[in-house]
């Protein structure tokens, strides 16, 4: 009797739990929360971290976001700002840059580029390396004996220490630059004793460029291409200097680490954006014939659609010859408005350049670099947007949108896996590619907010200055060439996303119905055993 009573109690508990689960699933399908993403085709988003400038006025930390050919989000980082502690909810100090990256869902960086070793550009690089997986570091080699502005050797060594500890490849820094005092006289005793023995030669590679096939200054980032400028080093006579190659000349000594700054040119379709670090023209010397960095690289860079102004807009940077060649239509200044050099400000206003200060927002400035154009904040046309809804059980469908992207072939990463009518309404137009398994997008008994998406990831109240409209012929030429580039681009590479959460009444999916069937069968078996046990109890009572 006692054993039967215990079994009955267990079965009753099991039956109760199953009923609760069935109730939850039923209610979950009636009031269903889902997440909607806005995908920007063939685009790179650049997020300028503003908090690093608070109280300082200048500083660079730029997060790049793109997508790979499988539809996975990829991130890259240009500079890492200042090391500013920020107390978190547990009272433990964390850095502003780390929190900034986490807020955008960063878990891994495809690359981190340190333009140069001043604190307002690399001060939080160590925290980034400690908190995130980083595939590659792009950084020009450094030794304090070649710079007279007092930049400490530790700014370089602390990054290299973590690269050695975490087995990260460093491009732009030769193996000899981190292992030999003949090449780098300022290497510290601690570094020589504790890190040089563990440095792997294959993880260090100086910048080089021999041809389009054999170089490491050009690399792919999602659907975009990035090329590094001002990577060269020079000897005391102004000839190119290669670490590790026998030379009778010593490396050039510069009076400011800004003169060692690299810049990165991002190309997205026909649009080009140059992130200039602290490149300037202050090293120009007419008496010695020394050519300034801006003068030397301007013709190689050529016309750009977007410019992150060099050296925060200060004097001796963004010189007129340089600006006239680059001819940007859009710009961001990583500084306060009152600190920008007057001639630079006059140029921006006279040329009707649309620009923003990275310090003008408490959160960030967002710039979308698309094959269709350059857009600040929410100023993004529907023509480059695809919408995708993420359901429970990892289901994804297209919903409530118009896709206008000629030649687009949507790959298997956006699957129609519903065995019921699709969610939302919409149509696909001017699309020569295939949407797998979803030839017609029609109406459904459920409701969707697919056509009402707030596609913003930052504060929409960004301060954007535009003195007028830029009607340059070059801008029109680039716009006319956009369609050709879109047709040749890889499918859905380079999409950027914004997210919003909405609710609606959705039909049950095939997976949820299968779960209900399994649980229902389980409930029937429980009832069967309860009846059987009741019969046994009746026999024993007799």
Protein backbone atom coordinates (compact mmCIF):
# COMPACT_ATOMS: atom_id res chain seq x y z
CA UNK A 1 0.00 0.00 0.00
CA UNK A 2 2.73 2.45 0.97
CA UNK A 3 4.68 1.80 -2.24
CA UNK A 4 1.62 2.31 -4.42
CA UNK A 5 0.77 5.51 -2.58
CA UNK A 6 4.28 6.91 -3.21
CA UNK A 7 4.15 5.99 -6.91
CA UNK A 8 0.78 7.66 -7.25
CA UNK A 9 2.11 10.81 -5.59
CA UNK A 10 5.09 10.95 -7.97
CA UNK A 11 2.85 10.48 -10.97
CA UNK A 12 0.53 13.24 -9.82
CA UNK A 13 3.49 15.60 -9.43
CA UNK A 14 4.69 14.71 -12.91
CA UNK A 15 1.24 15.26 -14.38
CA UNK A 16 0.97 18.67 -12.68
CA UNK A 17 4.35 19.77 -14.05
CA UNK A 18 3.40 18.72 -17.57
CA UNK A 19 0.15 20.67 -17.36
CA UNK A 20 2.08 23.77 -16.24
CA UNK A 21 4.50 23.39 -19.16
CA UNK A 22 1.61 23.01 -21.62
CA UNK A 23 -0.04 26.11 -20.20
CA UNK A 24 3.18 28.14 -20.56
CA UNK A 25 3.71 27.05 -24.16
CA UNK A 26 0.11 27.86 -25.06
CA UNK A 27 0.27 31.33 -23.55
CA UNK A 28 3.74 31.93 -25.06
CA UNK A 29 2.34 31.33 -28.55
CA UNK A 30 -0.60 33.64 -27.89
CA UNK A 31 1.44 36.63 -26.71
CA UNK A 32 4.72 36.21 -28.48
CA UNK A 33 7.75 38.51 -28.11
CA UNK A 34 10.11 38.61 -31.03
CA UNK A 35 13.15 40.54 -32.09
CA UNK A 36 13.47 42.30 -35.41
CA UNK A 37 16.71 43.26 -37.07
CA UNK A 38 17.32 45.80 -39.79
CA UNK A 39 20.05 44.64 -42.12
CA UNK A 40 21.93 47.17 -44.18
CA UNK A 41 23.25 45.56 -47.33
CA UNK A 42 26.91 46.12 -48.21
CA UNK A 43 27.50 48.63 -45.44
CA UNK A 44 29.94 49.33 -42.64
CA UNK A 45 28.86 51.10 -39.49
CA UNK A 46 31.36 53.25 -37.61
CA UNK A 47 30.57 54.00 -33.96
CA UNK A 48 32.57 56.86 -32.44
CA UNK A 49 32.84 56.43 -28.68
CA UNK A 50 32.12 59.83 -27.12
CA UNK A 51 32.59 59.12 -23.38
CA UNK A 52 36.37 58.81 -23.77
CA UNK A 53 36.53 62.51 -24.62
CA UNK A 54 34.59 63.79 -21.61
CA UNK A 55 36.82 66.10 -19.62
CA UNK A 56 39.55 65.86 -22.26
CA UNK A 57 37.99 67.07 -25.49
CA UNK A 58 39.88 64.80 -27.84
CA UNK A 59 40.42 61.08 -28.27
CA UNK A 60 39.81 58.31 -30.80
CA UNK A 61 37.96 55.04 -30.35
CA UNK A 62 36.07 53.87 -33.43
CA UNK A 63 34.22 50.56 -33.60
CA UNK A 64 33.60 49.19 -37.10
CA UNK A 65 30.76 46.73 -37.71
CA UNK A 66 30.19 44.64 -40.82
CA UNK A 67 29.02 41.13 -41.76
CA UNK A 68 30.89 38.19 -43.24
CA UNK A 69 29.63 36.00 -46.09
CA UNK A 70 27.83 33.70 -43.63
CA UNK A 71 25.79 36.52 -42.13
CA UNK A 72 27.81 36.69 -38.93
CA UNK A 73 28.50 40.11 -37.45
CA UNK A 74 32.20 41.06 -37.45
CA UNK A 75 33.90 43.90 -35.59
CA UNK A 76 37.12 45.85 -35.93
CA UNK A 77 38.52 48.59 -33.70
CA UNK A 78 40.49 51.66 -34.72
CA UNK A 79 42.24 52.99 -31.61
CA UNK A 80 41.20 52.47 -28.01
CA UNK A 81 41.00 55.92 -26.50
CA UNK A 82 41.93 56.71 -22.94
CA UNK A 83 42.03 54.41 -19.94
CA UNK A 84 39.08 55.85 -18.00
CA UNK A 85 37.68 53.79 -15.12
CA UNK A 86 33.93 53.39 -14.91
CA UNK A 87 32.28 51.79 -11.87
CA UNK A 88 29.84 49.04 -12.84
CA UNK A 89 26.79 47.80 -10.97
CA UNK A 90 28.93 45.72 -8.64
CA UNK A 91 31.18 48.62 -7.74
CA UNK A 92 34.08 47.13 -9.68
CA UNK A 93 35.93 49.46 -12.00
CA UNK A 94 35.72 48.66 -15.67
CA UNK A 95 36.84 50.80 -18.58
CA UNK A 96 34.67 53.06 -20.71
CA UNK A 97 35.97 51.46 -23.90
CA UNK A 98 35.28 47.91 -22.68
CA UNK A 99 31.73 48.87 -21.71
CA UNK A 100 31.30 50.62 -25.05
CA UNK A 101 32.30 47.47 -26.95
CA UNK A 102 30.12 45.21 -24.79
CA UNK A 103 27.13 47.48 -25.39
CA UNK A 104 27.39 46.61 -29.09
CA UNK A 105 27.62 42.88 -28.48
CA UNK A 106 31.33 42.61 -29.19
CA UNK A 107 32.88 39.32 -28.09
CA UNK A 108 35.67 39.15 -30.65
CA UNK A 109 37.53 41.69 -32.75
CA UNK A 110 38.76 40.66 -36.17
CA UNK A 111 41.40 43.33 -35.79
CA UNK A 112 42.52 46.17 -33.57
CA UNK A 113 44.46 48.94 -35.28
CA UNK A 114 46.51 51.28 -33.10
CA UNK A 115 47.27 54.29 -35.26
CA UNK A 116 50.07 55.44 -32.93
CA UNK A 117 51.09 55.24 -29.30
CA UNK A 118 49.74 58.41 -27.74
CA UNK A 119 47.48 57.84 -24.74
CA UNK A 120 44.36 59.37 -26.34
CA UNK A 121 44.53 56.67 -29.03
CA UNK A 122 45.78 53.58 -27.21
CA UNK A 123 45.27 54.22 -23.50
CA UNK A 124 42.72 51.43 -23.11
CA UNK A 125 44.20 48.94 -25.56
CA UNK A 126 45.39 46.70 -22.72
CA UNK A 127 41.87 46.49 -21.26
CA UNK A 128 40.49 45.59 -24.68
CA UNK A 129 43.05 42.82 -25.11
CA UNK A 130 42.28 41.47 -21.65
CA UNK A 131 38.52 41.38 -22.17
CA UNK A 132 38.09 40.34 -25.80
CA UNK A 133 39.54 37.88 -28.25
CA UNK A 134 41.50 39.80 -30.89
CA UNK A 135 42.61 38.07 -34.07
CA UNK A 136 45.21 40.61 -35.24
CA UNK A 137 46.82 43.83 -34.12
CA UNK A 138 47.93 46.41 -36.69
CA UNK A 139 50.53 48.70 -35.12
CA UNK A 140 53.72 50.32 -36.36
CA UNK A 141 56.79 49.31 -34.35
CA UNK A 142 58.01 51.78 -31.77
CA UNK A 143 61.09 52.64 -29.79
CA UNK A 144 61.27 55.62 -27.45
CA UNK A 145 64.76 56.52 -28.67
CA UNK A 146 63.32 57.47 -32.09
CA UNK A 147 60.71 59.88 -30.68
CA UNK A 148 61.60 62.99 -28.71
CA UNK A 149 58.15 63.94 -27.34
CA UNK A 150 58.43 61.71 -24.26
CA UNK A 151 56.08 58.92 -25.36
CA UNK A 152 56.94 56.10 -22.93
CA UNK A 153 58.26 52.73 -24.06
CA UNK A 154 55.63 51.10 -21.84
CA UNK A 155 52.86 52.23 -24.20
CA UNK A 156 54.34 49.86 -26.77
CA UNK A 157 55.58 47.07 -24.52
CA UNK A 158 52.32 46.64 -22.59
CA UNK A 159 50.46 45.87 -25.82
CA UNK A 160 53.19 43.52 -27.04
CA UNK A 161 53.21 41.70 -23.69
CA UNK A 162 49.56 40.78 -24.07
CA UNK A 163 50.07 39.87 -27.73
CA UNK A 164 52.74 37.41 -26.62
CA UNK A 165 50.64 36.09 -23.73
CA UNK A 166 47.58 35.57 -25.92
CA UNK A 167 49.41 34.45 -29.08
CA UNK A 168 48.09 37.34 -31.21
CA UNK A 169 49.69 38.21 -34.55
CA UNK A 170 51.07 41.75 -34.73
CA UNK A 171 51.33 43.25 -38.20
CA UNK A 172 53.49 46.34 -38.57
CA UNK A 173 56.03 45.33 -35.95
CA UNK A 174 59.01 43.16 -36.86
CA UNK A 175 60.30 40.32 -34.70
CA UNK A 176 63.63 42.11 -34.25
CA UNK A 177 61.84 45.23 -33.00
CA UNK A 178 60.60 43.26 -29.98
CA UNK A 179 63.62 41.05 -29.38
CA UNK A 180 66.78 42.99 -30.25
CA UNK A 181 68.22 46.00 -28.48
CA UNK A 182 70.31 46.69 -31.56
CA UNK A 183 67.05 47.53 -33.33
CA UNK A 184 65.10 48.78 -30.30
CA UNK A 185 67.52 50.22 -27.73
CA UNK A 186 64.75 51.16 -25.30
CA UNK A 187 63.45 47.64 -24.62
CA UNK A 188 63.24 47.27 -20.84
CA UNK A 189 65.01 44.63 -18.76
CA UNK A 190 61.71 43.12 -17.65
CA UNK A 191 60.54 42.77 -21.23
CA UNK A 192 63.83 41.23 -22.36
CA UNK A 193 63.86 38.75 -19.47
CA UNK A 194 60.22 37.68 -19.33
CA UNK A 195 58.72 38.17 -22.77
CA UNK A 196 61.42 37.97 -25.42
CA UNK A 197 62.01 34.24 -24.75
CA UNK A 198 58.34 33.56 -25.44
CA UNK A 199 57.94 35.74 -28.52
CA UNK A 200 57.18 33.74 -31.67
CA UNK A 201 58.83 35.00 -34.83
CA UNK A 202 55.84 34.03 -36.97
CA UNK A 203 53.59 36.34 -34.92
CA UNK A 204 55.49 39.51 -35.84
CA UNK A 205 55.59 40.99 -39.30
CA UNK A 206 56.64 44.45 -40.40
CA UNK A 207 54.45 46.32 -42.86
CA UNK A 208 55.42 45.61 -46.44
CA UNK A 209 54.05 46.24 -49.89
CA UNK A 210 55.56 44.74 -53.01
CA UNK A 211 52.54 44.14 -55.20
CA UNK A 212 48.79 43.65 -55.00
CA UNK A 213 49.45 39.96 -54.31
CA UNK A 214 52.31 40.26 -51.84
CA UNK A 215 51.50 42.78 -49.13
CA UNK A 216 49.97 42.99 -45.69
CA UNK A 217 48.71 46.57 -45.71
CA UNK A 218 45.47 45.60 -47.47
CA UNK A 219 42.92 43.26 -45.88
CA UNK A 220 39.25 42.32 -46.10
CA UNK A 221 36.80 43.27 -43.39
CA UNK A 222 33.40 41.74 -44.06
CA UNK A 223 32.29 43.11 -47.43
CA UNK A 224 34.71 46.04 -47.23
CA UNK A 225 38.41 46.43 -47.92
CA UNK A 226 40.83 48.29 -45.68
CA UNK A 227 44.18 49.71 -46.77
CA UNK A 228 46.78 51.17 -44.41
CA UNK A 229 48.58 54.42 -45.24
CA UNK A 230 51.64 56.16 -43.79
CA UNK A 231 53.01 52.78 -42.68
CA UNK A 232 56.51 53.42 -44.02
CA UNK A 233 59.51 54.25 -41.83
CA UNK A 234 62.45 56.31 -43.03
CA UNK A 235 66.14 56.55 -42.32
CA UNK A 236 68.01 59.73 -41.47
CA UNK A 237 68.36 60.62 -45.17
CA UNK A 238 64.67 60.18 -45.89
CA UNK A 239 64.99 56.82 -47.62
CA UNK A 240 62.70 53.96 -46.68
CA UNK A 241 63.97 52.07 -43.65
CA UNK A 242 63.34 48.36 -43.13
CA UNK A 243 63.90 46.85 -39.71
CA UNK A 244 66.07 43.77 -39.91
CA UNK A 245 67.60 44.58 -43.27
CA UNK A 246 71.25 45.61 -43.25
CA UNK A 247 71.60 49.35 -43.70
CA UNK A 248 74.31 51.90 -43.06
CA UNK A 249 71.76 54.46 -42.00
CA UNK A 250 69.91 54.83 -38.72
CA UNK A 251 66.16 55.15 -38.38
CA UNK A 252 64.82 58.70 -38.57
CA UNK A 253 64.20 60.44 -35.25
CA UNK A 254 60.92 62.38 -35.14
CA UNK A 255 59.91 65.07 -32.68
CA UNK A 256 56.36 63.78 -32.23
CA UNK A 257 54.74 60.33 -32.23
CA UNK A 258 51.93 61.80 -34.34
CA UNK A 259 54.39 61.68 -37.24
CA UNK A 260 54.38 57.89 -36.91
CA UNK A 261 50.59 57.66 -37.13
CA UNK A 262 49.04 55.32 -39.66
CA UNK A 263 45.66 55.92 -41.32
CA UNK A 264 43.09 53.43 -42.61
CA UNK A 265 41.13 53.77 -45.84
CA UNK A 266 37.92 51.73 -45.87
CA UNK A 267 36.30 51.04 -49.23
CA UNK A 268 32.66 49.89 -49.28
CA UNK A 269 31.49 49.47 -52.84
CA UNK A 270 32.22 52.77 -54.57
CA UNK A 271 32.35 54.71 -51.31
CA UNK A 272 35.60 55.47 -49.51
CA UNK A 273 36.20 56.54 -45.91
CA UNK A 274 39.57 57.58 -44.51
CA UNK A 275 40.27 57.34 -40.77
CA UNK A 276 43.33 59.55 -40.46
CA UNK A 277 44.51 58.90 -36.89
CA UNK A 278 46.79 61.83 -36.02
CA UNK A 279 48.39 62.13 -39.46
CA UNK A 280 49.45 65.73 -40.03
CA UNK A 281 51.93 67.83 -41.98
CA UNK A 282 54.06 69.22 -39.15
CA UNK A 283 57.14 67.25 -40.20
CA UNK A 284 57.39 69.16 -43.48
CA UNK A 285 60.76 70.95 -43.71
CA UNK A 286 61.51 73.04 -46.77
CA UNK A 287 65.16 73.54 -45.78
CA UNK A 288 65.95 69.83 -45.63
CA UNK A 289 63.46 68.84 -48.29
CA UNK A 290 61.50 66.70 -45.83
CA UNK A 291 58.02 66.13 -47.27
CA UNK A 292 55.13 66.25 -44.79
CA UNK A 293 53.06 63.12 -44.27
CA UNK A 294 49.88 64.66 -45.66
CA UNK A 295 51.70 65.94 -48.74
CA UNK A 296 53.25 62.52 -49.31
CA UNK A 297 50.10 60.38 -49.03
CA UNK A 298 47.35 62.66 -50.32
CA UNK A 299 47.64 61.67 -53.99
CA UNK A 300 47.76 57.98 -53.12
CA UNK A 301 44.55 58.24 -51.10
CA UNK A 302 42.70 60.44 -53.58
CA UNK A 303 39.05 61.43 -53.35
CA UNK A 304 37.09 60.16 -50.32
CA UNK A 305 33.43 60.38 -49.34
CA UNK A 306 34.09 60.49 -45.59
CA UNK A 307 37.01 61.72 -43.51
CA UNK A 308 37.81 61.32 -39.84
CA UNK A 309 39.86 64.48 -39.56
CA UNK A 310 43.51 64.00 -38.68
CA UNK A 311 44.80 65.01 -35.23
CA UNK A 312 41.38 66.13 -33.99
CA UNK A 313 41.35 69.12 -36.35
CA UNK A 314 44.34 70.87 -34.75
CA UNK A 315 46.76 73.19 -36.54
CA UNK A 316 49.26 71.62 -38.99
CA UNK A 317 46.79 68.84 -39.81
CA UNK A 318 44.14 68.69 -42.55
CA UNK A 319 46.13 71.19 -44.58
CA UNK A 320 44.44 72.81 -47.56
CA UNK A 321 46.30 70.91 -50.31
CA UNK A 322 45.54 67.65 -48.54
CA UNK A 323 41.85 68.50 -48.04
CA UNK A 324 41.43 69.64 -51.64
CA UNK A 325 42.74 66.32 -52.92
CA UNK A 326 40.67 64.18 -50.53
CA UNK A 327 37.63 66.45 -51.06
CA UNK A 328 35.42 64.84 -48.38
CA UNK A 329 31.66 65.42 -48.39
CA UNK A 330 31.21 64.08 -44.83
CA UNK A 331 33.43 64.23 -41.76
CA UNK A 332 33.69 63.55 -38.04
CA UNK A 333 35.94 65.57 -35.73
CA UNK A 334 37.06 63.75 -32.59
CA UNK A 335 37.27 66.94 -30.56
CA UNK A 336 35.25 69.79 -29.08
CA UNK A 337 33.99 72.40 -31.50
CA UNK A 338 35.99 75.28 -30.04
CA UNK A 339 39.34 73.58 -30.50
CA UNK A 340 39.30 73.02 -34.26
CA UNK A 341 41.81 75.09 -36.27
CA UNK A 342 40.11 78.09 -37.85
CA UNK A 343 41.26 77.37 -41.42
CA UNK A 344 40.01 73.80 -41.16
CA UNK A 345 36.63 74.98 -39.92
CA UNK A 346 36.42 77.54 -42.71
CA UNK A 347 37.15 74.83 -45.27
CA UNK A 348 34.38 72.57 -43.95
CA UNK A 349 31.87 75.39 -44.05
CA UNK A 350 32.89 76.79 -47.44
CA UNK A 351 32.81 73.32 -49.03
CA UNK A 352 29.44 72.49 -47.44
CA UNK A 353 30.88 69.41 -45.75
CA UNK A 354 28.41 67.58 -43.53
CA UNK A 355 30.19 66.97 -40.24
CA UNK A 356 29.73 66.09 -36.58
CA UNK A 357 31.78 66.38 -33.39
CA UNK A 358 32.29 63.09 -31.59
CA UNK A 359 31.94 64.98 -28.30
CA UNK A 360 28.48 66.29 -29.15
CA UNK A 361 26.63 63.23 -27.87
CA UNK A 362 26.72 61.49 -24.53
CA UNK A 363 26.80 58.09 -26.17
CA UNK A 364 28.22 57.93 -29.66
CA UNK A 365 28.18 59.24 -33.20
CA UNK A 366 27.09 56.63 -35.74
CA UNK A 367 28.10 56.82 -39.40
CA UNK A 368 26.95 54.27 -41.98
CA UNK A 369 29.28 53.84 -44.95
CA UNK A 370 27.21 52.19 -47.64
CA UNK A 371 27.50 51.54 -51.34
CA UNK A 372 24.48 53.84 -51.54
CA UNK A 373 26.09 56.72 -49.64
CA UNK A 374 27.25 58.05 -46.27
CA UNK A 375 24.58 58.40 -43.58
CA UNK A 376 24.63 59.87 -40.08
CA UNK A 377 22.48 58.33 -37.35
CA UNK A 378 19.00 57.37 -38.58
CA UNK A 379 19.39 58.99 -41.98
CA UNK A 380 19.35 55.66 -43.83
CA UNK A 381 17.24 55.07 -46.97
CA UNK A 382 14.89 52.09 -47.24
CA UNK A 383 16.62 51.05 -50.46
CA UNK A 384 19.50 49.42 -48.54
CA UNK A 385 17.40 47.78 -45.84
CA UNK A 386 16.35 44.16 -45.48
CA UNK A 387 14.32 43.18 -42.44
CA UNK A 388 14.68 39.87 -40.66
CA UNK A 389 12.66 38.64 -37.70
CA UNK A 390 14.20 36.35 -35.08
CA UNK A 391 11.63 34.05 -33.52
CA UNK A 392 11.95 31.60 -30.67
CA UNK A 393 13.62 28.26 -31.34
CA UNK A 394 16.16 30.08 -33.51
CA UNK A 395 13.74 30.52 -36.41
CA UNK A 396 14.28 33.29 -38.94
CA UNK A 397 12.06 34.62 -41.71
CA UNK A 398 11.82 37.67 -43.88
CA UNK A 399 8.96 39.94 -42.88
CA UNK A 400 7.09 43.10 -43.66
CA UNK A 401 9.59 44.82 -45.90
CA UNK A 402 10.43 45.85 -49.40
CA UNK A 403 13.81 44.75 -50.69
CA UNK A 404 15.16 47.04 -53.36
CA UNK A 405 18.61 45.75 -54.15
CA UNK A 406 19.20 44.76 -57.74
CA UNK A 407 21.11 41.53 -58.25
CA UNK A 408 20.83 40.49 -54.61
CA UNK A 409 20.94 36.74 -54.04
CA UNK A 410 19.93 36.07 -50.46
CA UNK A 411 21.89 33.01 -49.23
CA UNK A 412 20.88 30.22 -46.94
CA UNK A 413 21.63 32.33 -43.88
CA UNK A 414 18.13 33.80 -44.20
CA UNK A 415 15.98 30.68 -44.32
CA UNK A 416 12.25 30.23 -44.67
CA UNK A 417 11.83 27.48 -42.11
CA UNK A 418 8.19 28.07 -41.15
CA UNK A 419 5.79 25.32 -42.18
CA UNK A 420 2.89 27.74 -41.72
CA UNK A 421 1.92 30.97 -43.39
CA UNK A 422 4.68 33.62 -43.09
CA UNK A 423 4.69 36.36 -40.49
CA UNK A 424 3.82 39.89 -41.57
CA UNK A 425 3.23 41.26 -45.03
CA UNK A 426 5.47 42.62 -47.67
CA UNK A 427 6.83 42.18 -51.15
CA UNK A 428 10.10 41.67 -52.93
CA UNK A 429 10.78 43.91 -55.91
CA UNK A 430 13.62 44.33 -58.40
CA UNK A 431 15.34 41.27 -57.04
CA UNK A 432 16.92 38.81 -59.47
CA UNK A 433 18.18 36.47 -56.76
CA UNK A 434 16.34 33.73 -54.92
CA UNK A 435 14.83 33.67 -51.49
CA UNK A 436 15.07 29.99 -50.53
CA UNK A 437 11.71 28.36 -49.93
CA UNK A 438 9.74 31.59 -49.87
CA UNK A 439 8.46 32.57 -53.29
CA UNK A 440 5.55 34.63 -52.02
CA UNK A 441 5.34 36.74 -48.92
CA UNK A 442 1.68 37.17 -48.03
CA UNK A 443 -0.61 38.16 -45.22
CA UNK A 444 -1.17 36.18 -42.06
CA UNK A 445 -3.71 36.02 -39.30
CA UNK A 446 -1.01 37.23 -36.94
CA UNK A 447 0.04 40.84 -36.58
CA UNK A 448 3.56 42.14 -37.08
CA UNK A 449 5.33 45.43 -36.62
CA UNK A 450 7.73 44.55 -39.39
CA UNK A 451 7.04 47.75 -41.26
CA UNK A 452 7.60 49.94 -38.23
CA UNK A 453 11.18 49.50 -37.20
CA UNK A 454 13.17 52.02 -35.24
CA UNK A 455 16.53 51.45 -36.88
CA UNK A 456 18.81 53.23 -34.49
CA UNK A 457 21.58 51.90 -32.33
CA UNK A 458 22.72 55.13 -30.80
CA UNK A 459 21.24 58.36 -29.60
CA UNK A 460 19.34 59.79 -32.54
CA UNK A 461 19.90 63.38 -31.45
CA UNK A 462 23.35 63.64 -32.93
CA UNK A 463 24.76 67.03 -33.70
CA UNK A 464 25.35 67.05 -37.43
CA UNK A 465 26.44 70.23 -39.13
CA UNK A 466 25.72 70.93 -42.76
CA UNK A 467 26.17 74.39 -44.16
CA UNK A 468 24.39 73.48 -47.36
CA UNK A 469 24.10 70.81 -50.03
CA UNK A 470 27.12 69.42 -51.75
CA UNK A 471 26.43 69.15 -55.46
CA UNK A 472 29.91 68.25 -56.60
CA UNK A 473 30.14 66.31 -59.81
CA UNK A 474 32.33 63.75 -58.11
CA UNK A 475 29.59 62.93 -55.62
CA UNK A 476 27.15 62.40 -58.48
CA UNK A 477 29.59 60.17 -60.28
CA UNK A 478 29.97 57.96 -57.24
CA UNK A 479 26.21 57.77 -56.82
CA UNK A 480 25.73 56.75 -60.44
CA UNK A 481 28.25 53.95 -60.07
CA UNK A 482 26.62 52.50 -56.99
CA UNK A 483 24.29 50.10 -58.79
CA UNK A 484 27.13 48.47 -60.69
CA UNK A 485 28.98 47.84 -57.48
CA UNK A 486 25.91 46.39 -55.79
CA UNK A 487 25.40 43.89 -58.59
CA UNK A 488 28.96 42.67 -58.35
CA UNK A 489 29.05 42.44 -54.56
CA UNK A 490 28.86 39.12 -52.74
CA UNK A 491 25.35 38.27 -51.53
CA UNK A 492 24.37 39.91 -48.27
CA UNK A 493 27.97 40.52 -47.30
CA UNK A 494 28.44 43.66 -45.29
CA UNK A 495 25.07 44.03 -43.64
CA UNK A 496 24.83 46.16 -40.54
CA UNK A 497 22.02 45.72 -38.06
CA UNK A 498 19.83 47.65 -35.70
CA UNK A 499 17.35 45.91 -33.43
CA UNK A 500 13.95 46.52 -31.95
CA UNK A 501 11.73 44.29 -29.84
CA UNK A 502 8.01 44.03 -30.59
CA UNK A 503 5.04 41.86 -29.64
CA UNK A 504 2.23 40.33 -31.62
CA UNK A 505 -0.11 37.36 -31.96
CA UNK A 506 1.76 34.78 -33.97
CA UNK A 507 0.74 31.39 -35.42
CA UNK A 508 2.27 28.35 -33.83
CA UNK A 509 5.23 27.00 -35.74
CA UNK A 510 5.86 23.39 -36.72
CA UNK A 511 8.44 22.97 -33.95
CA UNK A 512 6.14 24.20 -31.20
CA UNK A 513 3.33 21.96 -32.43
CA UNK A 514 5.67 18.97 -32.37
CA UNK A 515 6.55 19.76 -28.75
CA UNK A 516 2.83 19.93 -27.88
CA UNK A 517 2.24 16.55 -29.51
CA UNK A 518 5.09 14.92 -27.59
CA UNK A 519 3.94 16.37 -24.27
CA UNK A 520 0.36 15.38 -25.03
CA UNK A 521 1.41 11.79 -25.66
CA UNK A 522 3.36 11.86 -22.41
CA UNK A 523 0.24 13.08 -20.59
CA UNK A 524 -1.82 10.20 -22.01
CA UNK A 525 0.77 7.70 -20.75
CA UNK A 526 0.66 9.28 -17.30
CA UNK A 527 -3.10 8.93 -17.22
CA UNK A 528 -2.84 5.32 -18.32
CA UNK A 529 -0.47 4.47 -15.49
CA UNK A 530 -2.66 6.29 -12.97
CA UNK A 531 -5.68 4.20 -14.00
CA UNK A 532 -3.58 1.04 -13.88
CA UNK A 533 -2.33 1.87 -10.38
CA UNK A 534 -5.89 2.57 -9.25
CA UNK A 535 -6.91 -0.94 -10.35
CA UNK A 536 -4.07 -2.46 -8.33
CA UNK A 537 -5.13 -0.40 -5.33
CA UNK A 538 -8.70 -1.75 -5.67
CA UNK A 539 -7.43 -5.34 -5.71
CA UNK A 540 -5.37 -4.81 -2.55
CA UNK A 541 -8.32 -3.10 -0.79
CA UNK A 542 -10.35 -6.22 -1.39
